[in-house]
Amino acid sequence: MKDSPLGMTAIITWNIAQLERETIDGYVFTAHYTLDAKDEAYSAGAYGSIGFERPENLISFADLKKEQVIEWVKEKLGEEAVTNVETALLNQIEEQRFPSKASGTPWN
């Protein structure tokens, strides 16, 4: 859980939508990831892709775990980028909760 700028709490969930790999040895060269932020009434989401360099020690594709790949994604993005994308989602929820812009007319 993360606290939004106004102190509200939202749950941010990272997921792996798809992996791209070489079939000969299972080397995963791209991960497509999603983030979902939800509080009790609002939600926001993000999608991204990131490439990986070939590691010295390959983990068999069949043995990969979602949590491990999420960690690879976060490591590759870096702490600042992870914080920025999570904060952007929290800001989207805040904007839904307390809109800064509106449209309409003052008469009916």
C-alpha atoms as a PDB file:
ATOM      1  CA  MET A   1       0.000   0.000   0.000  1.00  0.00           C
ATOM      2  CA  LYS A   2       1.089   3.519  -0.760  1.00  0.00           C
ATOM      3  CA  ASP A   3      -0.115   6.805   0.624  1.00  0.00           C
ATOM      4  CA  SER A   4      -1.225   9.429  -1.853  1.00  0.00           C
ATOM      5  CA  PRO A   5      -0.163  13.082  -1.620  1.00  0.00           C
ATOM      6  CA  LEU A   6      -3.303  13.820   0.426  1.00  0.00           C
ATOM      7  CA  GLY A   7      -2.735  10.883   2.754  1.00  0.00           C
ATOM      8  CA  MET A   8      -5.231   8.437   1.261  1.00  0.00           C
ATOM      9  CA  THR A   9      -4.134   4.843   0.918  1.00  0.00           C
ATOM     10  CA  ALA A  10      -4.151   2.898  -2.343  1.00  0.00           C
ATOM     11  CA  ILE A  11      -2.968  -0.580  -3.223  1.00  0.00           C
ATOM     12  CA  ILE A  12      -0.526  -0.723  -6.135  1.00  0.00           C
ATOM     13  CA  THR A  13      -0.169  -4.072  -7.872  1.00  0.00           C
ATOM     14  CA  TRP A  14       2.587  -4.875 -10.367  1.00  0.00           C
ATOM     15  CA  ASN A  15       1.976  -7.641 -12.891  1.00  0.00           C
ATOM     16  CA  ILE A  16       3.654  -9.166 -15.929  1.00  0.00           C
ATOM     17  CA  ALA A  17       1.374  -9.133 -18.957  1.00  0.00           C
ATOM     18  CA  GLN A  18       3.713 -10.873 -21.411  1.00  0.00           C
ATOM     19  CA  LEU A  19       7.295 -12.034 -21.863  1.00  0.00           C
ATOM     20  CA  GLU A  20       9.198 -12.154 -25.128  1.00  0.00           C
ATOM     21  CA  ARG A  21      11.905 -14.816 -25.353  1.00  0.00           C
ATOM     22  CA  GLU A  22      14.207 -16.676 -27.651  1.00  0.00           C
ATOM     23  CA  THR A  23      12.871 -20.158 -28.235  1.00  0.00           C
ATOM     24  CA  ILE A  24      16.264 -21.814 -28.481  1.00  0.00           C
ATOM     25  CA  ASP A  25      17.240 -21.199 -24.866  1.00  0.00           C
ATOM     26  CA  GLY A  26      14.367 -19.315 -23.220  1.00  0.00           C
ATOM     27  CA  TYR A  27      16.283 -16.037 -22.833  1.00  0.00           C
ATOM     28  CA  VAL A  28      13.696 -13.384 -21.919  1.00  0.00           C
ATOM     29  CA  PHE A  29      14.640 -10.183 -23.699  1.00  0.00           C
ATOM     30  CA  THR A  30      11.483  -8.108 -23.071  1.00  0.00           C
ATOM     31  CA  ALA A  31       8.906  -7.932 -20.304  1.00  0.00           C
ATOM     32  CA  HIS A  32       5.579  -6.159 -20.711  1.00  0.00           C
ATOM     33  CA  TYR A  33       4.310  -5.037 -17.323  1.00  0.00           C
ATOM     34  CA  THR A  34       1.239  -3.406 -15.830  1.00  0.00           C
ATOM     35  CA  LEU A  35       0.535  -1.482 -12.661  1.00  0.00           C
ATOM     36  CA  ASP A  36      -2.882  -1.095 -11.102  1.00  0.00           C
ATOM     37  CA  ALA A  37      -3.577   1.354  -8.295  1.00  0.00           C
ATOM     38  CA  LYS A  38      -6.871   1.063  -6.427  1.00  0.00           C
ATOM     39  CA  ASP A  39      -8.434   2.582  -3.384  1.00  0.00           C
ATOM     40  CA  GLU A  40     -11.939   1.948  -2.109  1.00  0.00           C
ATOM     41  CA  ALA A  41     -13.598   3.936  -4.923  1.00  0.00           C
ATOM     42  CA  TYR A  42     -11.099   4.807  -7.671  1.00  0.00           C
ATOM     43  CA  SER A  43      -8.473   3.159  -9.847  1.00  0.00           C
ATOM     44  CA  ALA A  44      -5.686   4.006 -12.279  1.00  0.00           C
ATOM     45  CA  GLY A  45      -3.385   1.902 -14.408  1.00  0.00           C
ATOM     46  CA  ALA A  46      -0.175   1.972 -16.397  1.00  0.00           C
ATOM     47  CA  TYR A  47       1.521  -0.283 -18.949  1.00  0.00           C
ATOM     48  CA  GLY A  48       5.124  -0.469 -20.038  1.00  0.00           C
ATOM     49  CA  SER A  49       7.769  -2.631 -21.669  1.00  0.00           C
ATOM     50  CA  ILE A  50      11.415  -3.023 -20.817  1.00  0.00           C
ATOM     51  CA  GLY A  51      14.265  -4.917 -22.420  1.00  0.00           C
ATOM     52  CA  PHE A  52      16.868  -7.060 -20.691  1.00  0.00           C
ATOM     53  CA  GLU A  53      20.464  -7.856 -21.499  1.00  0.00           C
ATOM     54  CA  ARG A  54      21.362 -11.532 -21.741  1.00  0.00           C
ATOM     55  CA  PRO A  55      22.424 -12.684 -18.249  1.00  0.00           C
ATOM     56  CA  GLU A  56      25.417 -14.922 -17.617  1.00  0.00           C
ATOM     57  CA  ASN A  57      23.225 -17.511 -15.904  1.00  0.00           C
ATOM     58  CA  LEU A  58      19.888 -18.105 -17.580  1.00  0.00           C
ATOM     59  CA  ILE A  59      16.966 -19.285 -15.529  1.00  0.00           C
ATOM     60  CA  SER A  60      14.929 -21.811 -17.449  1.00  0.00           C
ATOM     61  CA  PHE A  61      11.834 -20.164 -18.907  1.00  0.00           C
ATOM     62  CA  ALA A  62       9.662 -22.841 -17.272  1.00  0.00           C
ATOM     63  CA  ASP A  63      11.201 -22.002 -13.882  1.00  0.00           C
ATOM     64  CA  LEU A  64      10.586 -18.248 -13.997  1.00  0.00           C
ATOM     65  CA  LYS A  65       8.323 -16.827 -11.320  1.00  0.00           C
ATOM     66  CA  LYS A  66       6.241 -13.690 -11.764  1.00  0.00           C
ATOM     67  CA  GLU A  67       7.705 -12.111  -8.624  1.00  0.00           C
ATOM     68  CA  GLN A  68      11.259 -12.575  -9.939  1.00  0.00           C
ATOM     69  CA  VAL A  69      10.458 -10.942 -13.275  1.00  0.00           C
ATOM     70  CA  ILE A  70       8.733  -8.050 -11.498  1.00  0.00           C
ATOM     71  CA  GLU A  71      11.924  -7.552  -9.475  1.00  0.00           C
ATOM     72  CA  TRP A  72      13.962  -7.551 -12.714  1.00  0.00           C
ATOM     73  CA  VAL A  73      11.629  -4.918 -14.154  1.00  0.00           C
ATOM     74  CA  LYS A  74      11.918  -2.727 -11.061  1.00  0.00           C
ATOM     75  CA  GLU A  75      15.706  -3.106 -10.940  1.00  0.00           C
ATOM     76  CA  LYS A  76      16.023  -2.210 -14.620  1.00  0.00           C
ATOM     77  CA  LEU A  77      13.718   0.801 -14.249  1.00  0.00           C
ATOM     78  CA  GLY A  78      15.520   2.012 -11.151  1.00  0.00           C
ATOM     79  CA  GLU A  79      14.141   3.200  -7.842  1.00  0.00           C
ATOM     80  CA  GLU A  80      13.417   6.739  -9.051  1.00  0.00           C
ATOM     81  CA  ALA A  81      11.389   5.594 -12.081  1.00  0.00           C
ATOM     82  CA  VAL A  82       9.431   3.087  -9.967  1.00  0.00           C
ATOM     83  CA  THR A  83       8.600   5.839  -7.481  1.00  0.00           C
ATOM     84  CA  ASN A  84       7.647   8.219 -10.301  1.00  0.00           C
ATOM     85  CA  VAL A  85       5.215   5.807 -11.987  1.00  0.00           C
ATOM     86  CA  GLU A  86       3.622   4.802  -8.678  1.00  0.00           C
ATOM     87  CA  THR A  87       3.272   8.460  -7.670  1.00  0.00           C
ATOM     88  CA  ALA A  88       1.711   9.281 -11.055  1.00  0.00           C
ATOM     89  CA  LEU A  89      -0.939   6.607 -10.464  1.00  0.00           C
ATOM     90  CA  LEU A  90      -1.665   7.946  -6.985  1.00  0.00           C
ATOM     91  CA  ASN A  91      -1.985  11.426  -8.463  1.00  0.00           C
ATOM     92  CA  GLN A  92      -4.489  10.107 -11.017  1.00  0.00           C
ATOM     93  CA  ILE A  93      -6.581   8.668  -8.200  1.00  0.00           C
ATOM     94  CA  GLU A  94      -6.374  11.973  -6.322  1.00  0.00           C
ATOM     95  CA  GLU A  95      -7.531  13.793  -9.465  1.00  0.00           C
ATOM     96  CA  GLN A  96     -10.507  11.440  -9.750  1.00  0.00           C
ATOM     97  CA  ARG A  97     -11.351  11.940  -6.099  1.00  0.00           C
ATOM     98  CA  PHE A  98     -10.867  15.734  -6.111  1.00  0.00           C
ATOM     99  CA  PRO A  99     -11.041  16.961  -9.742  1.00  0.00           C
ATOM    100  CA  SER A 100      -9.062  20.111 -10.472  1.00  0.00           C
ATOM    101  CA  LYS A 101     -11.058  20.819 -13.661  1.00  0.00           C
ATOM    102  CA  ALA A 102     -14.729  20.603 -14.598  1.00  0.00           C
ATOM    103  CA  SER A 103     -17.000  21.504 -17.483  1.00  0.00           C
ATOM    104  CA  GLY A 104     -20.555  22.674 -17.805  1.00  0.00           C
ATOM    105  CA  THR A 105     -22.605  25.817 -17.430  1.00  0.00           C
ATOM    106  CA  PRO A 106     -23.904  27.523 -14.278  1.00  0.00           C
ATOM    107  CA  TRP A 107     -27.525  27.395 -15.538  1.00  0.00           C
ATOM    108  CA  ASN A 108     -29.861  24.544 -16.387  1.00  0.00           C
END
